[in-house]
């Protein structure tokens, strides 16, 4: 099975496991990137992905949600002001 997006919801702390970037209020999709450091953008969405037999919920800033949308081919919700 290829990786797929199961759902995308507005970011909520309770969607994320303790000790994850999402639970800490950070963008878990970008997390710590070599040469860049941590993502300083606030999470915009909670995204549940399926990787074979693993289905984590990751937090995603607006830029990360756009990247996930492009990678997995689903429309992103409109940004809220």
PDB file of N, CA and C in Angstrom:
ATOM      1  N   UNK A   1       0.847  -1.179   0.000  1.00  0.00           N
ATOM      2  CA  UNK A   1       0.000   0.000   0.000  1.00  0.00           C
ATOM      3  C   UNK A   1       0.894   1.244   0.000  1.00  0.00           C
ATOM      4  N   UNK A   2       0.588   2.159  -0.876  1.00  0.00           N
ATOM      5  CA  UNK A   2       1.304   3.432  -0.890  1.00  0.00           C
ATOM      6  C   UNK A   2       0.780   4.312   0.232  1.00  0.00           C
ATOM      7  N   UNK A   3       1.554   5.322   0.574  1.00  0.00           N
ATOM      8  CA  UNK A   3       1.114   6.273   1.593  1.00  0.00           C
ATOM      9  C   UNK A   3      -0.091   7.037   1.073  1.00  0.00           C
ATOM     10  N   UNK A   4      -1.081   7.221   1.935  1.00  0.00           N
ATOM     11  CA  UNK A   4      -2.282   7.965   1.555  1.00  0.00           C
ATOM     12  C   UNK A   4      -2.704   8.876   2.702  1.00  0.00           C
ATOM     13  N   UNK A   5      -3.431   9.915   2.360  1.00  0.00           N
ATOM     14  CA  UNK A   5      -4.000  10.809   3.351  1.00  0.00           C
ATOM     15  C   UNK A   5      -5.359  10.245   3.742  1.00  0.00           C
ATOM     16  N   UNK A   6      -5.572  10.048   5.029  1.00  0.00           N
ATOM     17  CA  UNK A   6      -6.849   9.530   5.511  1.00  0.00           C
ATOM     18  C   UNK A   6      -7.803  10.674   5.818  1.00  0.00           C
ATOM     19  N   UNK A   7      -7.317  11.687   6.546  1.00  0.00           N
ATOM     20  CA  UNK A   7      -8.142  12.873   6.802  1.00  0.00           C
ATOM     21  C   UNK A   7      -7.278  14.081   7.096  1.00  0.00           C
ATOM     22  N   UNK A   8      -7.895  15.250   6.903  1.00  0.00           N
ATOM     23  CA  UNK A   8      -7.285  16.537   7.224  1.00  0.00           C
ATOM     24  C   UNK A   8      -8.318  17.311   8.023  1.00  0.00           C
ATOM     25  N   UNK A   9      -7.923  17.760   9.202  1.00  0.00           N
ATOM     26  CA  UNK A   9      -8.824  18.521  10.068  1.00  0.00           C
ATOM     27  C   UNK A   9      -8.105  19.785  10.535  1.00  0.00           C
ATOM     28  N   UNK A  10      -8.863  20.790  10.970  1.00  0.00           N
ATOM     29  CA  UNK A  10      -8.203  21.947  11.577  1.00  0.00           C
ATOM     30  C   UNK A  10      -7.347  21.463  12.751  1.00  0.00           C
ATOM     31  N   UNK A  11      -6.206  22.101  12.960  1.00  0.00           N
ATOM     32  CA  UNK A  11      -5.288  21.691  14.022  1.00  0.00           C
ATOM     33  C   UNK A  11      -5.957  21.747  15.392  1.00  0.00           C
ATOM     34  N   UNK A  12      -5.834  20.648  16.117  1.00  0.00           N
ATOM     35  CA  UNK A  12      -6.274  20.582  17.513  1.00  0.00           C
ATOM     36  C   UNK A  12      -5.236  19.779  18.276  1.00  0.00           C
ATOM     37  N   UNK A  13      -4.807  20.293  19.395  1.00  0.00           N
ATOM     38  CA  UNK A  13      -3.805  19.649  20.226  1.00  0.00           C
ATOM     39  C   UNK A  13      -4.183  18.206  20.561  1.00  0.00           C
ATOM     40  N   UNK A  14      -5.454  17.981  20.860  1.00  0.00           N
ATOM     41  CA  UNK A  14      -5.884  16.647  21.287  1.00  0.00           C
ATOM     42  C   UNK A  14      -5.798  15.583  20.188  1.00  0.00           C
ATOM     43  N   UNK A  15      -5.591  15.985  18.939  1.00  0.00           N
ATOM     44  CA  UNK A  15      -5.415  15.010  17.853  1.00  0.00           C
ATOM     45  C   UNK A  15      -4.020  14.380  17.856  1.00  0.00           C
ATOM     46  N   UNK A  16      -3.113  14.896  18.695  1.00  0.00           N
ATOM     47  CA  UNK A  16      -1.708  14.502  18.629  1.00  0.00           C
ATOM     48  C   UNK A  16      -1.244  13.798  19.893  1.00  0.00           C
ATOM     49  N   UNK A  17      -0.425  12.777  19.711  1.00  0.00           N
ATOM     50  CA  UNK A  17       0.126  12.001  20.812  1.00  0.00           C
ATOM     51  C   UNK A  17       1.099  12.852  21.634  1.00  0.00           C
ATOM     52  N   UNK A  18       1.178  12.595  22.950  1.00  0.00           N
ATOM     53  CA  UNK A  18       2.178  13.294  23.767  1.00  0.00           C
ATOM     54  C   UNK A  18       3.577  13.065  23.189  1.00  0.00           C
ATOM     55  N   UNK A  19       4.452  13.988  23.428  1.00  0.00           N
ATOM     56  CA  UNK A  19       5.849  13.928  22.965  1.00  0.00           C
ATOM     57  C   UNK A  19       5.998  14.029  21.451  1.00  0.00           C
ATOM     58  N   UNK A  20       4.974  14.549  20.748  1.00  0.00           N
ATOM     59  CA  UNK A  20       5.106  14.798  19.312  1.00  0.00           C
ATOM     60  C   UNK A  20       5.169  16.300  19.082  1.00  0.00           C
ATOM     61  N   UNK A  21       5.661  16.691  17.929  1.00  0.00           N
ATOM     62  CA  UNK A  21       5.714  18.113  17.588  1.00  0.00           C
ATOM     63  C   UNK A  21       4.307  18.701  17.605  1.00  0.00           C
ATOM     64  N   UNK A  22       3.336  17.966  17.107  1.00  0.00           N
ATOM     65  CA  UNK A  22       1.962  18.451  17.088  1.00  0.00           C
ATOM     66  C   UNK A  22       1.418  18.718  18.478  1.00  0.00           C
ATOM     67  N   UNK A  23       1.769  17.863  19.427  1.00  0.00           N
ATOM     68  CA  UNK A  23       1.315  18.045  20.799  1.00  0.00           C
ATOM     69  C   UNK A  23       2.016  19.239  21.444  1.00  0.00           C
ATOM     70  N   UNK A  24       3.194  19.589  20.945  1.00  0.00           N
ATOM     71  CA  UNK A  24       3.940  20.736  21.457  1.00  0.00           C
ATOM     72  C   UNK A  24       3.544  22.038  20.755  1.00  0.00           C
ATOM     73  N   UNK A  25       2.586  21.953  19.791  1.00  0.00           N
ATOM     74  CA  UNK A  25       2.142  23.150  19.082  1.00  0.00           C
ATOM     75  C   UNK A  25       3.075  23.574  17.976  1.00  0.00           C
ATOM     76  N   UNK A  26       3.793  22.605  17.410  1.00  0.00           N
ATOM     77  CA  UNK A  26       4.731  22.883  16.329  1.00  0.00           C
ATOM     78  C   UNK A  26       4.348  22.107  15.075  1.00  0.00           C
ATOM     79  N   UNK A  27       4.940  22.509  13.964  1.00  0.00           N
ATOM     80  CA  UNK A  27       4.722  21.816  12.689  1.00  0.00           C
ATOM     81  C   UNK A  27       5.540  20.530  12.688  1.00  0.00           C
ATOM     82  N   UNK A  28       4.870  19.399  12.751  1.00  0.00           N
ATOM     83  CA  UNK A  28       5.538  18.108  12.752  1.00  0.00           C
ATOM     84  C   UNK A  28       5.948  17.647  11.368  1.00  0.00           C
ATOM     85  N   UNK A  29       5.255  18.124  10.330  1.00  0.00           N
ATOM     86  CA  UNK A  29       5.605  17.727   8.965  1.00  0.00           C
ATOM     87  C   UNK A  29       7.019  18.194   8.628  1.00  0.00           C
ATOM     88  N   UNK A  30       7.318  19.434   8.982  1.00  0.00           N
ATOM     89  CA  UNK A  30       8.661  19.946   8.740  1.00  0.00           C
ATOM     90  C   UNK A  30       9.607  19.553   9.872  1.00  0.00           C
ATOM     91  N   UNK A  31       9.118  19.542  11.106  1.00  0.00           N
ATOM     92  CA  UNK A  31       9.926  19.134  12.246  1.00  0.00           C
ATOM     93  C   UNK A  31      11.304  19.768  12.236  1.00  0.00           C
ATOM     94  N   UNK A  32      12.308  18.965  12.509  1.00  0.00           N
ATOM     95  CA  UNK A  32      13.702  19.410  12.454  1.00  0.00           C
ATOM     96  C   UNK A  32      14.264  18.986  11.102  1.00  0.00           C
ATOM     97  N   UNK A  33      14.590  19.933  10.272  1.00  0.00           N
ATOM     98  CA  UNK A  33      15.111  19.645   8.943  1.00  0.00           C
ATOM     99  C   UNK A  33      16.597  19.979   8.912  1.00  0.00           C
ATOM    100  N   UNK A  34      17.390  19.055   8.412  1.00  0.00           N
ATOM    101  CA  UNK A  34      18.839  19.261   8.345  1.00  0.00           C
ATOM    102  C   UNK A  34      19.154  20.562   7.622  1.00  0.00           C
ATOM    103  N   UNK A  35      19.988  21.366   8.234  1.00  0.00           N
ATOM    104  CA  UNK A  35      20.385  22.623   7.627  1.00  0.00           C
ATOM    105  C   UNK A  35      19.385  23.745   7.815  1.00  0.00           C
ATOM    106  N   UNK A  36      18.190  23.420   8.327  1.00  0.00           N
ATOM    107  CA  UNK A  36      17.165  24.446   8.499  1.00  0.00           C
ATOM    108  C   UNK A  36      16.757  24.614   9.954  1.00  0.00           C
ATOM    109  N   UNK A  37      16.812  23.548  10.696  1.00  0.00           N
ATOM    110  CA  UNK A  37      16.363  23.610  12.087  1.00  0.00           C
ATOM    111  C   UNK A  37      14.870  23.394  12.180  1.00  0.00           C
ATOM    112  N   UNK A  38      14.266  23.760  13.304  1.00  0.00           N
ATOM    113  CA  UNK A  38      12.829  23.524  13.486  1.00  0.00           C
ATOM    114  C   UNK A  38      11.984  24.489  12.651  1.00  0.00           C
ATOM    115  N   UNK A  39      10.790  24.045  12.299  1.00  0.00           N
ATOM    116  CA  UNK A  39       9.836  24.911  11.601  1.00  0.00           C
ATOM    117  C   UNK A  39       9.222  25.836  12.640  1.00  0.00           C
ATOM    118  N   UNK A  40       9.263  27.129  12.399  1.00  0.00           N
ATOM    119  CA  UNK A  40       8.739  28.099  13.356  1.00  0.00           C
ATOM    120  C   UNK A  40       7.303  28.518  13.060  1.00  0.00           C
ATOM    121  N   UNK A  41       6.708  27.934  12.024  1.00  0.00           N
ATOM    122  CA  UNK A  41       5.318  28.258  11.699  1.00  0.00           C
ATOM    123  C   UNK A  41       4.374  27.483  12.610  1.00  0.00           C
ATOM    124  N   UNK A  42       3.261  28.108  12.944  1.00  0.00           N
ATOM    125  CA  UNK A  42       2.260  27.451  13.789  1.00  0.00           C
ATOM    126  C   UNK A  42       1.516  26.391  12.981  1.00  0.00           C
ATOM    127  N   UNK A  43       1.097  25.302  13.627  1.00  0.00           N
ATOM    128  CA  UNK A  43       0.306  24.293  12.923  1.00  0.00           C
ATOM    129  C   UNK A  43      -1.023  24.882  12.453  1.00  0.00           C
ATOM    130  N   UNK A  44      -1.425  24.487  11.276  1.00  0.00           N
ATOM    131  CA  UNK A  44      -2.687  24.932  10.700  1.00  0.00           C
ATOM    132  C   UNK A  44      -3.686  23.775  10.645  1.00  0.00           C
ATOM    133  N   UNK A  45      -3.147  22.550  10.465  1.00  0.00           N
ATOM    134  CA  UNK A  45      -4.009  21.383  10.299  1.00  0.00           C
ATOM    135  C   UNK A  45      -3.408  20.172  10.999  1.00  0.00           C
ATOM    136  N   UNK A  46      -4.278  19.216  11.306  1.00  0.00           N
ATOM    137  CA  UNK A  46      -3.877  17.893  11.757  1.00  0.00           C
ATOM    138  C   UNK A  46      -4.161  16.965  10.581  1.00  0.00           C
ATOM    139  N   UNK A  47      -3.159  16.184  10.184  1.00  0.00           N
ATOM    140  CA  UNK A  47      -3.275  15.335   8.995  1.00  0.00           C
ATOM    141  C   UNK A  47      -2.978  13.892   9.385  1.00  0.00           C
ATOM    142  N   UNK A  48      -3.906  12.987   9.099  1.00  0.00           N
ATOM    143  CA  UNK A  48      -3.675  11.565   9.373  1.00  0.00           C
ATOM    144  C   UNK A  48      -3.268  10.902   8.062  1.00  0.00           C
ATOM    145  N   UNK A  49      -2.097  10.269   8.097  1.00  0.00           N
ATOM    146  CA  UNK A  49      -1.545   9.589   6.928  1.00  0.00           C
ATOM    147  C   UNK A  49      -1.456   8.092   7.205  1.00  0.00           C
ATOM    148  N   UNK A  50      -1.529   7.288   6.178  1.00  0.00           N
ATOM    149  CA  UNK A  50      -1.361   5.842   6.318  1.00  0.00           C
ATOM    150  C   UNK A  50      -0.087   5.435   5.606  1.00  0.00           C
ATOM    151  N   UNK A  51       0.854   4.878   6.360  1.00  0.00           N
ATOM    152  CA  UNK A  51       2.091   4.332   5.816  1.00  0.00           C
ATOM    153  C   UNK A  51       2.084   2.844   6.119  1.00  0.00           C
ATOM    154  N   UNK A  52       1.788   2.021   5.129  1.00  0.00           N
ATOM    155  CA  UNK A  52       1.700   0.561   5.338  1.00  0.00           C
ATOM    156  C   UNK A  52       0.823   0.275   6.544  1.00  0.00           C
ATOM    157  N   UNK A  53       1.386  -0.185   7.659  1.00  0.00           N
ATOM    158  CA  UNK A  53       0.563  -0.519   8.831  1.00  0.00           C
ATOM    159  C   UNK A  53       0.669   0.532   9.936  1.00  0.00           C
ATOM    160  N   UNK A  54       1.121   1.723   9.594  1.00  0.00           N
ATOM    161  CA  UNK A  54       1.312   2.798  10.563  1.00  0.00           C
ATOM    162  C   UNK A  54       0.494   4.002  10.119  1.00  0.00           C
ATOM    163  N   UNK A  55      -0.295   4.587  11.023  1.00  0.00           N
ATOM    164  CA  UNK A  55      -1.163   5.712  10.655  1.00  0.00           C
ATOM    165  C   UNK A  55      -1.013   6.855  11.653  1.00  0.00           C
ATOM    166  N   UNK A  56       0.076   7.637  11.539  1.00  0.00           N
ATOM    167  CA  UNK A  56       0.277   8.749  12.473  1.00  0.00           C
ATOM    168  C   UNK A  56      -0.563   9.970  12.107  1.00  0.00           C
ATOM    169  N   UNK A  57      -0.794  10.805  13.110  1.00  0.00           N
ATOM    170  CA  UNK A  57      -1.403  12.115  12.880  1.00  0.00           C
ATOM    171  C   UNK A  57      -0.268  13.113  13.006  1.00  0.00           C
ATOM    172  N   UNK A  58      -0.056  13.906  11.962  1.00  0.00           N
ATOM    173  CA  UNK A  58       0.997  14.905  11.968  1.00  0.00           C
ATOM    174  C   UNK A  58       0.394  16.298  11.935  1.00  0.00           C
ATOM    175  N   UNK A  59       1.076  17.218  12.582  1.00  0.00           N
ATOM    176  CA  UNK A  59       0.670  18.620  12.505  1.00  0.00           C
ATOM    177  C   UNK A  59       1.331  19.226  11.271  1.00  0.00           C
ATOM    178  N   UNK A  60       0.654  20.186  10.679  1.00  0.00           N
ATOM    179  CA  UNK A  60       1.170  20.798   9.449  1.00  0.00           C
ATOM    180  C   UNK A  60       0.883  22.287   9.439  1.00  0.00           C
ATOM    181  N   UNK A  61       1.928  23.083   9.170  1.00  0.00           N
ATOM    182  CA  UNK A  61       1.726  24.516   8.968  1.00  0.00           C
ATOM    183  C   UNK A  61       1.085  24.691   7.581  1.00  0.00           C
ATOM    184  N   UNK A  62       0.741  25.911   7.218  1.00  0.00           N
ATOM    185  CA  UNK A  62       0.099  26.160   5.920  1.00  0.00           C
ATOM    186  C   UNK A  62       0.989  25.677   4.775  1.00  0.00           C
ATOM    187  N   UNK A  63       2.290  25.983   4.841  1.00  0.00           N
ATOM    188  CA  UNK A  63       3.202  25.555   3.777  1.00  0.00           C
ATOM    189  C   UNK A  63       3.275  24.029   3.711  1.00  0.00           C
ATOM    190  N   UNK A  64       3.333  23.376   4.863  1.00  0.00           N
ATOM    191  CA  UNK A  64       3.384  21.912   4.889  1.00  0.00           C
ATOM    192  C   UNK A  64       2.108  21.324   4.297  1.00  0.00           C
ATOM    193  N   UNK A  65       0.952  21.914   4.609  1.00  0.00           N
ATOM    194  CA  UNK A  65      -0.308  21.410   4.062  1.00  0.00           C
ATOM    195  C   UNK A  65      -0.308  21.515   2.542  1.00  0.00           C
ATOM    196  N   UNK A  66       0.259  22.597   2.011  1.00  0.00           N
ATOM    197  CA  UNK A  66       0.366  22.734   0.558  1.00  0.00           C
ATOM    198  C   UNK A  66       1.264  21.639  -0.014  1.00  0.00           C
ATOM    199  N   UNK A  67       2.377  21.350   0.659  1.00  0.00           N
ATOM    200  CA  UNK A  67       3.291  20.293   0.204  1.00  0.00           C
ATOM    201  C   UNK A  67       2.615  18.922   0.248  1.00  0.00           C
ATOM    202  N   UNK A  68       1.879  18.654   1.327  1.00  0.00           N
ATOM    203  CA  UNK A  68       1.171  17.378   1.453  1.00  0.00           C
ATOM    204  C   UNK A  68       0.123  17.261   0.357  1.00  0.00           C
ATOM    205  N   UNK A  69      -0.592  18.356   0.090  1.00  0.00           N
ATOM    206  CA  UNK A  69      -1.607  18.371  -0.955  1.00  0.00           C
ATOM    207  C   UNK A  69      -1.004  18.046  -2.320  1.00  0.00           C
ATOM    208  N   UNK A  70       0.139  18.651  -2.610  1.00  0.00           N
ATOM    209  CA  UNK A  70       0.797  18.389  -3.896  1.00  0.00           C
ATOM    210  C   UNK A  70       1.285  16.949  -3.978  1.00  0.00           C
ATOM    211  N   UNK A  71       1.838  16.446  -2.893  1.00  0.00           N
ATOM    212  CA  UNK A  71       2.376  15.080  -2.887  1.00  0.00           C
ATOM    213  C   UNK A  71       1.284  14.027  -3.019  1.00  0.00           C
ATOM    214  N   UNK A  72       0.161  14.224  -2.297  1.00  0.00           N
ATOM    215  CA  UNK A  72      -0.875  13.197  -2.248  1.00  0.00           C
ATOM    216  C   UNK A  72      -2.112  13.518  -3.064  1.00  0.00           C
ATOM    217  N   UNK A  73      -2.160  14.712  -3.665  1.00  0.00           N
ATOM    218  CA  UNK A  73      -3.224  15.043  -4.598  1.00  0.00           C
ATOM    219  C   UNK A  73      -4.598  15.205  -4.028  1.00  0.00           C
ATOM    220  N   UNK A  74      -4.760  16.059  -3.029  1.00  0.00           N
ATOM    221  CA  UNK A  74      -6.091  16.377  -2.529  1.00  0.00           C
ATOM    222  C   UNK A  74      -6.198  17.884  -2.375  1.00  0.00           C
ATOM    223  N   UNK A  75      -7.401  18.448  -2.488  1.00  0.00           N
ATOM    224  CA  UNK A  75      -7.553  19.900  -2.336  1.00  0.00           C
ATOM    225  C   UNK A  75      -7.374  20.297  -0.882  1.00  0.00           C
ATOM    226  N   UNK A  76      -6.736  21.448  -0.669  1.00  0.00           N
ATOM    227  CA  UNK A  76      -6.555  21.918   0.711  1.00  0.00           C
ATOM    228  C   UNK A  76      -7.692  22.859   1.086  1.00  0.00           C
ATOM    229  N   UNK A  77      -8.056  22.860   2.366  1.00  0.00           N
ATOM    230  CA  UNK A  77      -9.100  23.796   2.816  1.00  0.00           C
ATOM    231  C   UNK A  77      -8.627  25.229   2.664  1.00  0.00           C
ATOM    232  N   UNK A  78      -9.553  26.146   2.509  1.00  0.00           N
ATOM    233  CA  UNK A  78      -9.204  27.560   2.407  1.00  0.00           C
ATOM    234  C   UNK A  78      -8.602  28.033   3.713  1.00  0.00           C
ATOM    235  N   UNK A  79      -7.571  28.879   3.617  1.00  0.00           N
ATOM    236  CA  UNK A  79      -6.957  29.451   4.817  1.00  0.00           C
ATOM    237  C   UNK A  79      -7.967  30.330   5.525  1.00  0.00           C
ATOM    238  N   UNK A  80      -7.960  30.234   6.843  1.00  0.00           N
ATOM    239  CA  UNK A  80      -8.855  31.061   7.634  1.00  0.00           C
ATOM    240  C   UNK A  80      -8.110  32.321   8.045  1.00  0.00           C
ATOM    241  N   UNK A  81      -8.775  33.459   8.007  1.00  0.00           N
ATOM    242  CA  UNK A  81      -8.095  34.680   8.413  1.00  0.00           C
ATOM    243  C   UNK A  81      -8.319  34.973   9.861  1.00  0.00           C
TER     244      UNK A  81
END
